[in-house]
Structures are given as C-alpha cells and as structure tokens.
Protein backbone atom coordinates (compact mmCIF):
# COMPACT_ATOMS: atom_id res chain seq x y z
CA MET A 1 -0.39 0.12 0.06
CA ALA A 2 1.28 3.12 -0.65
CA ARG A 3 2.38 6.19 2.17
CA THR A 4 -0.98 7.28 2.22
CA VAL A 5 -4.51 5.86 2.23
CA ALA A 6 -5.30 8.41 -0.11
CA GLY A 7 -8.60 7.39 -2.57
CA ALA A 8 -9.23 4.43 -0.17
CA ARG A 9 -12.33 3.26 1.61
CA ILE A 10 -11.73 2.77 5.32
CA LEU A 11 -14.04 0.79 7.62
CA ILE A 12 -13.95 2.00 11.50
CA THR A 13 -15.46 0.17 14.04
CA GLY A 14 -16.01 1.87 17.61
CA ALA A 15 -15.33 4.90 15.50
CA ALA A 16 -17.60 7.47 17.80
CA SER A 17 -14.97 7.73 20.53
CA GLY A 18 -11.40 6.93 21.19
CA MET A 19 -8.71 5.37 19.23
CA GLY A 20 -11.72 5.18 16.36
CA LEU A 21 -12.60 8.17 16.03
CA LEU A 22 -8.80 9.01 15.97
CA TYR A 23 -8.18 6.46 13.09
CA ALA A 24 -11.30 8.14 11.19
CA GLU A 25 -9.70 11.78 11.60
CA ARG A 26 -6.18 10.56 10.09
CA ALA A 27 -8.40 8.65 7.39
CA VAL A 28 -10.08 11.81 6.40
CA ALA A 29 -6.81 14.09 6.78
CA GLU A 30 -5.07 11.70 4.61
CA SER A 31 -7.86 12.17 1.92
CA ALA A 32 -9.51 8.48 1.42
CA SER A 33 -12.30 8.73 -0.47
CA ASP A 34 -15.14 6.87 1.80
CA VAL A 35 -14.49 6.86 5.44
CA ILE A 36 -17.34 4.60 7.31
CA LEU A 37 -18.30 4.58 10.91
CA TRP A 38 -19.60 2.10 12.74
CA ASP A 39 -20.38 2.71 16.53
CA ARG A 40 -23.59 1.56 18.48
CA ASN A 41 -23.80 5.18 19.70
CA SER A 42 -25.87 7.02 17.22
CA ASP A 43 -25.91 10.28 18.49
CA LYS A 44 -22.16 10.49 18.63
CA LEU A 45 -22.06 9.13 14.93
CA ALA A 46 -24.22 11.59 13.84
CA THR A 47 -21.97 14.43 15.25
CA ILE A 48 -18.49 12.98 14.14
CA LYS A 49 -20.10 12.56 10.92
CA ALA A 50 -20.86 15.98 10.39
CA ARG A 51 -18.36 17.49 11.27
CA LEU A 52 -15.91 14.90 9.17
CA ASN A 53 -17.46 16.15 6.14
CA ALA A 54 -17.63 19.83 6.60
CA GLU A 55 -14.01 19.73 7.67
CA SER A 56 -13.21 17.77 4.52
CA ALA A 57 -15.11 19.98 2.75
CA ALA A 58 -13.55 22.81 3.86
CA VAL A 59 -10.16 21.93 2.67
CA GLY A 60 -11.57 20.68 -1.06
CA GLY A 61 -11.18 17.33 0.64
CA ARG A 62 -13.03 14.80 -1.95
CA THR A 63 -13.91 12.39 1.30
CA ARG A 64 -16.86 11.22 1.94
CA VAL A 65 -18.00 10.02 5.56
CA HIS A 66 -20.83 7.64 6.31
CA SER A 67 -22.15 6.27 9.56
CA ASP A 68 -24.26 3.46 10.61
CA THR A 69 -25.65 2.41 13.98
CA ILE A 70 -23.87 -1.01 14.39
CA ASP A 71 -23.70 -3.54 17.74
CA VAL A 72 -20.96 -5.73 16.84
CA SER A 73 -22.11 -8.42 19.00
CA ASP A 74 -25.18 -8.76 16.74
CA PRO A 75 -24.55 -11.13 13.08
CA ASP A 76 -27.95 -10.36 11.72
CA ILE A 77 -27.22 -6.65 12.09
CA ILE A 78 -23.55 -6.52 10.83
CA ALA A 79 -24.54 -8.34 7.59
CA ALA A 80 -27.59 -5.90 6.98
CA ALA A 81 -24.86 -3.54 7.35
CA ALA A 82 -22.02 -5.07 5.46
CA GLU A 83 -24.53 -5.31 2.41
CA ARG A 84 -25.02 -1.60 2.93
CA VAL A 85 -21.62 -0.80 2.33
CA ARG A 86 -21.10 -3.29 -0.29
CA SER A 87 -23.87 -2.17 -2.53
CA GLU A 88 -23.84 1.56 -1.70
CA ILE A 89 -19.88 2.28 -1.05
CA GLY A 90 -18.20 -0.52 -2.27
CA ASN A 91 -16.15 -3.20 -0.55
CA PRO A 92 -13.30 -1.30 2.02
CA ASP A 93 -10.00 -1.58 1.43
CA VAL A 94 -8.96 -1.13 4.97
CA LEU A 95 -10.77 -2.34 8.15
CA PHE A 96 -10.24 -1.30 11.61
CA ASN A 97 -11.38 -3.85 13.92
CA ASN A 98 -11.34 -1.42 17.13
CA ALA A 99 -14.70 -1.75 18.84
CA GLY A 100 -13.93 -3.06 22.32
CA ILE A 101 -15.05 -3.04 26.03
CA VAL A 102 -13.57 -4.03 29.21
CA ARG A 103 -14.92 -4.80 32.43
CA GLY A 104 -12.16 -4.83 35.57
CA LYS A 105 -13.91 -7.66 37.60
CA TYR A 106 -12.67 -10.59 39.56
CA PHE A 107 -13.87 -13.65 37.15
CA TRP A 108 -16.54 -14.41 39.57
CA GLU A 109 -17.85 -11.12 39.61
CA HIS A 110 -19.13 -10.82 36.23
CA ASP A 111 -22.39 -11.52 35.32
CA THR A 112 -22.58 -14.28 32.31
CA ALA A 113 -24.61 -12.14 30.25
CA ALA A 114 -24.12 -8.84 30.45
CA ASP A 115 -20.26 -9.00 31.15
CA THR A 116 -18.82 -12.27 30.12
CA ILE A 117 -20.74 -12.96 26.86
CA GLU A 118 -21.18 -9.91 25.73
CA THR A 119 -17.27 -8.84 26.38
CA MET A 120 -16.34 -12.00 24.38
CA LYS A 121 -19.20 -11.27 21.45
CA ILE A 122 -17.78 -7.45 21.17
CA ASN A 123 -13.72 -8.36 21.48
CA ALA A 124 -13.56 -11.56 20.12
CA ILE A 125 -16.25 -12.85 18.00
CA GLY A 126 -17.68 -9.65 16.56
CA PRO A 127 -14.06 -8.89 14.55
CA MET A 128 -14.25 -12.24 13.15
CA ILE A 129 -17.98 -11.97 11.93
CA VAL A 130 -16.87 -8.59 10.51
CA THR A 131 -13.52 -9.53 8.75
CA ARG A 132 -16.19 -12.39 7.09
CA GLU A 133 -18.22 -10.01 5.68
CA PHE A 134 -15.35 -8.29 3.94
CA LEU A 135 -12.42 -10.77 3.38
CA PRO A 136 -13.70 -12.58 0.30
CA GLY A 137 -14.18 -8.75 -1.45
CA MET A 138 -10.50 -8.07 -0.57
CA ILE A 139 -9.26 -11.50 -1.82
CA GLU A 140 -11.36 -10.90 -4.98
CA GLY A 141 -10.52 -7.01 -5.96
CA GLY A 142 -7.12 -7.73 -6.04
CA ARG A 143 -5.59 -4.16 -5.10
CA PRO A 144 -3.68 -3.59 -1.88
CA ALA A 145 -5.87 -4.80 1.52
CA ARG A 146 -5.02 -4.16 4.90
CA ILE A 147 -7.18 -5.55 8.36
CA VAL A 148 -6.12 -4.43 11.94
CA ASN A 149 -7.10 -5.80 15.08
CA ILE A 150 -6.71 -4.39 17.79
CA ALA A 151 -5.99 -6.58 20.61
CA SER A 152 -4.18 -5.89 23.87
CA ALA A 153 -1.04 -6.62 25.77
CA ALA A 154 -3.46 -8.43 28.39
CA GLY A 155 -3.98 -11.25 25.48
CA MET A 156 -0.01 -12.45 25.87
CA ILE A 157 0.54 -11.38 30.13
CA SER A 158 -2.14 -12.35 32.58
CA ASN A 159 -3.15 -9.89 35.00
CA PRO A 160 -5.84 -10.08 37.65
CA ARG A 161 -8.96 -8.68 37.66
CA MET A 162 -8.52 -8.51 33.95
CA SER A 163 -9.58 -12.29 32.78
CA VAL A 164 -12.34 -12.08 30.67
CA TYR A 165 -10.83 -9.09 28.86
CA ALA A 166 -7.80 -10.89 28.40
CA ALA A 167 -9.42 -14.48 27.15
CA SER A 168 -11.17 -12.53 24.30
CA LYS A 169 -7.88 -10.65 23.51
CA TRP A 170 -5.89 -14.09 23.53
CA ALA A 171 -8.71 -15.34 21.33
CA ILE A 172 -8.00 -12.24 19.22
CA ILE A 173 -4.76 -12.58 18.89
CA GLY A 174 -4.78 -15.86 17.73
CA TRP A 175 -7.12 -15.46 15.16
CA SER A 176 -5.78 -12.57 13.80
CA ASP A 177 -2.55 -13.99 13.14
CA SER A 178 -3.82 -17.26 12.33
CA VAL A 179 -5.78 -15.56 9.33
CA ARG A 180 -2.39 -13.54 8.09
CA LEU A 181 -0.78 -17.00 7.86
CA GLU A 182 -3.61 -18.49 5.93
CA LEU A 183 -3.85 -15.19 3.47
CA THR A 184 0.26 -15.85 2.84
CA GLN A 185 -0.24 -19.61 2.35
CA GLN A 186 -2.85 -19.30 -0.19
CA GLY A 187 -1.28 -16.36 -2.33
CA HIS A 188 -3.40 -13.58 -1.29
CA THR A 189 -0.72 -11.41 -0.33
CA HIS A 190 -2.04 -8.16 -1.45
CA VAL A 191 -4.38 -8.52 1.98
CA LYS A 192 -1.97 -8.33 4.91
CA VAL A 193 -3.24 -8.45 7.93
CA THR A 194 -1.48 -6.31 11.29
CA THR A 195 -2.65 -7.38 15.15
CA VAL A 196 -1.74 -4.58 17.71
CA ALA A 197 -1.26 -5.54 21.25
CA PRO A 198 -0.97 -2.22 23.29
CA SER A 199 -0.55 -1.75 26.78
CA TYR A 200 -2.90 0.96 28.61
CA ILE A 201 -3.71 3.98 26.79
CA SER A 202 -5.31 7.17 27.99
CA THR A 203 -8.84 7.37 26.11
CA GLY A 204 -10.46 6.68 29.19
CA MET A 205 -11.42 3.24 28.70
CA PHE A 206 -8.62 1.64 31.55
CA GLU A 207 -9.30 5.13 33.70
CA GLY A 208 -7.79 4.31 36.85
CA ALA A 209 -5.22 1.83 35.81
CA ARG A 210 -1.86 2.62 36.62
CA GLY A 211 1.31 1.61 34.42
CA PRO A 212 3.58 -1.05 35.07
CA VAL A 213 7.42 0.11 36.31
CA MET A 214 8.53 1.01 33.01
CA THR A 215 5.33 1.08 31.01
CA PRO A 216 4.13 4.55 30.92
CA ILE A 217 0.61 4.99 29.90
CA MET A 218 0.36 5.80 26.54
CA THR A 219 -1.00 8.74 24.46
CA PRO A 220 -3.72 8.16 22.22
CA ASP A 221 -1.95 10.59 19.55
CA TYR A 222 1.56 8.27 19.88
CA VAL A 223 -0.47 5.32 19.86
CA VAL A 224 -2.18 5.98 16.19
CA GLY A 225 0.79 7.17 14.51
CA ARG A 226 2.44 3.98 15.41
CA VAL A 227 -0.93 1.37 14.24
CA TRP A 228 -0.89 3.85 11.16
CA LYS A 229 2.66 3.50 9.84
CA ALA A 230 2.43 -1.02 10.77
CA MET A 231 -1.11 -0.87 8.89
CA LEU A 232 0.47 0.60 5.39
CA ALA A 233 3.35 -1.65 6.06
CA GLY A 234 1.40 -4.57 6.39
CA LYS A 235 3.48 -5.44 9.79
CA PRO A 236 2.27 -8.74 11.02
CA LEU A 237 2.60 -7.65 14.87
CA LEU A 238 2.86 -4.30 16.90
CA LEU A 239 3.51 -4.57 20.36
CA LEU A 240 3.34 -1.37 22.42
CA PRO A 241 5.46 0.04 24.46
CA LYS A 242 8.73 -1.75 24.05
CA SER A 243 8.77 -2.90 27.51
CA VAL A 244 5.34 -5.43 26.45
CA HIS A 245 8.47 -7.21 24.04
CA ILE A 246 10.38 -7.75 27.30
CA ALA A 247 7.67 -8.95 29.43
CA LYS A 248 6.69 -11.32 26.43
CA VAL A 249 10.02 -12.63 26.59
CA THR A 250 10.47 -12.71 30.09
CA LYS A 251 7.59 -14.64 30.82
CA GLY A 252 8.31 -17.34 28.23
CA LEU A 253 12.11 -18.03 29.71
CA LEU A 254 11.02 -18.07 33.31
CA PRO A 255 8.99 -20.71 35.21
CA THR A 256 5.66 -19.55 36.16
CA ALA A 257 6.31 -18.81 39.70
CA ILE A 258 9.64 -16.58 39.52
CA TRP A 259 8.06 -14.58 36.66
CA ASP A 260 4.83 -14.07 39.14
CA LYS A 261 6.80 -12.83 41.94
CA MET A 262 8.40 -10.65 39.48
CA ALA A 263 5.96 -9.26 37.76
CA ASP A 264 4.02 -8.48 41.02
CA ASN A 265 6.94 -7.26 43.34
CA VAL A 266 9.01 -5.50 40.36
CA PHE A 267 7.13 -4.58 37.73
CA HIS A 268 4.06 -4.43 39.97
CA LEU A 269 1.75 -5.73 37.42
CA TYR A 270 -0.79 -7.33 39.21
CA THR A 271 -2.01 -4.23 40.95
CA THR A 272 -1.84 -2.05 37.73
CA MET A 273 -6.12 -2.64 37.91
CA SER A 274 -6.37 -2.19 41.36
CA ASP A 275 -8.03 1.27 41.01
CA PHE A 276 -9.49 0.80 37.87
CA THR A 277 -12.66 2.78 37.67
CA GLY A 278 -13.24 2.84 33.26
CA ARG A 279 -15.94 4.13 31.78
CA ASP A 280 -19.79 3.07 30.64
CA PRO A 281 -19.21 0.57 27.65
CA LYS A 282 -22.21 1.67 26.13
C-alpha cells in the first residue's frame, strides 16, 4: 500500500470515540475516498459524521464520511450493514476492528450475560464476523488491502481483574495471526493483517489503571501514529510499548512462580487494575 490511504475506502468499528475516532480523523486528513464509521452510539456518530464531512469540504477534500449504528455483537445487524456498504459504497480496502469493552472485575464478579458473554462477543467474535463479511471482497478485488485487529498486551500477559478481557484478547490474537498465515499460504499477499497489542492508553477506557514499571500509559496520538505506520507497511504484529516485548520474552523464559514474583513485586503488574474505574461501555 502507498504511504497514505488516499483514495481508499476505510471502515472503522468503535468509531464514535477514543482510538476509533482518531483513526477516522487520520483517514480524512489523508484523503481517503470513503470513511465508514460503525458504532452503537448513534448520537455521537451523527455529530462526528457531520463534522468530518464539513472539515473535508472546507479544505476541498473529496472524502465522503458515512455512519451506521452497529452493534458488533449481533451477527444479523453486521450482515445487513455490510451488505449496505458493499452495495452503496463498495468493499472496504482497510478495516479497523477497533470496537471493544472491558469490565475490571474478578472473574467471579462478572455477570454471565452482561459481562462475560458480551465481552467475548464484542472483543473476539465481532471482529471475526465483520472480517468474514469483507475479506472475500478484499481477496477477489486484487488491490492492496489491510485488516487491523486491535488486541491488547493483556492477550499475552495475564493480569488480575482482567480475566475475561484477557480471554477475549488472547482469542483475537490467535485468530488474527492465523488469518494472516492463511492468506500468505494461499497466495493472497495483497491482503495484509496487522495485530496490535498495546498496553494502557489514556483514552478513558482504562481510567484509574496504572502502568507497570517501565510501561508508561501511552497517549492516543502516539499509538495512532504507530498503528498507522504498521498498517500501511502490513506489519504482522505491533506490541506497544517496548516493555511489552520484554515482558513477553521474560515470561516465556522464566518458570511461572519466578515470573509471578517479578511481575508482582518488581514490575507491579498485578496491581495495575486495583484502582480501575473505566467508563460506561454503552
């Protein structure tokens, strides 16, 4: 893919706030032909759509911003919305599976339906269903295409009060990287998959959480820049910040008991969620 997304069609889930909104703004700034915003917050979507279309027009841009109220936990809603995209706009060239929720609780405190099942549906199953809708068109289209799956460092390194969230992100990492290999194996090299596994980002989603030692809470702008660069290059895996690489390797080399002591007493990883408050996921 070129150094920008100029002329590309881009679809972003969870686009009404946080990182999703920043990806949308970046796509408009780089003159994407169409930016499709999916989120379940219809009021925010309408406001953002109007603002981004106005900003594009003000500088003579040709970007068309579209929005649709979508709950990525519902396969039927996804299927209907995907058909609207294909028929009215065309198959996306770039897909950001960005929508996600977190419940900062011990496992036994999770409500089965409202917490456990919903988290798995939105964070893990949703990206699979959305990608399944558009991946065949990406393959058949023959033009450079990108799929960016937003996972988490929690999908590689266990942490108290993140059990269900970690499970959803472990699932997305395994699925995402396997799809990457499947595409390569079958010769569909024009479609690249990037799996992103960041630590805490100051979007409000993890309000109250503290970064472990040597792992500062990252700014959204910094992460967007790194993800964007990785997406354009088709980089398979992006871990942020560098300390996540170190923790991943160290955990793999050490016996579990020793790693637990280091993670808890040296890096203070196991208490990062102690004061978590988060934000309303609705």
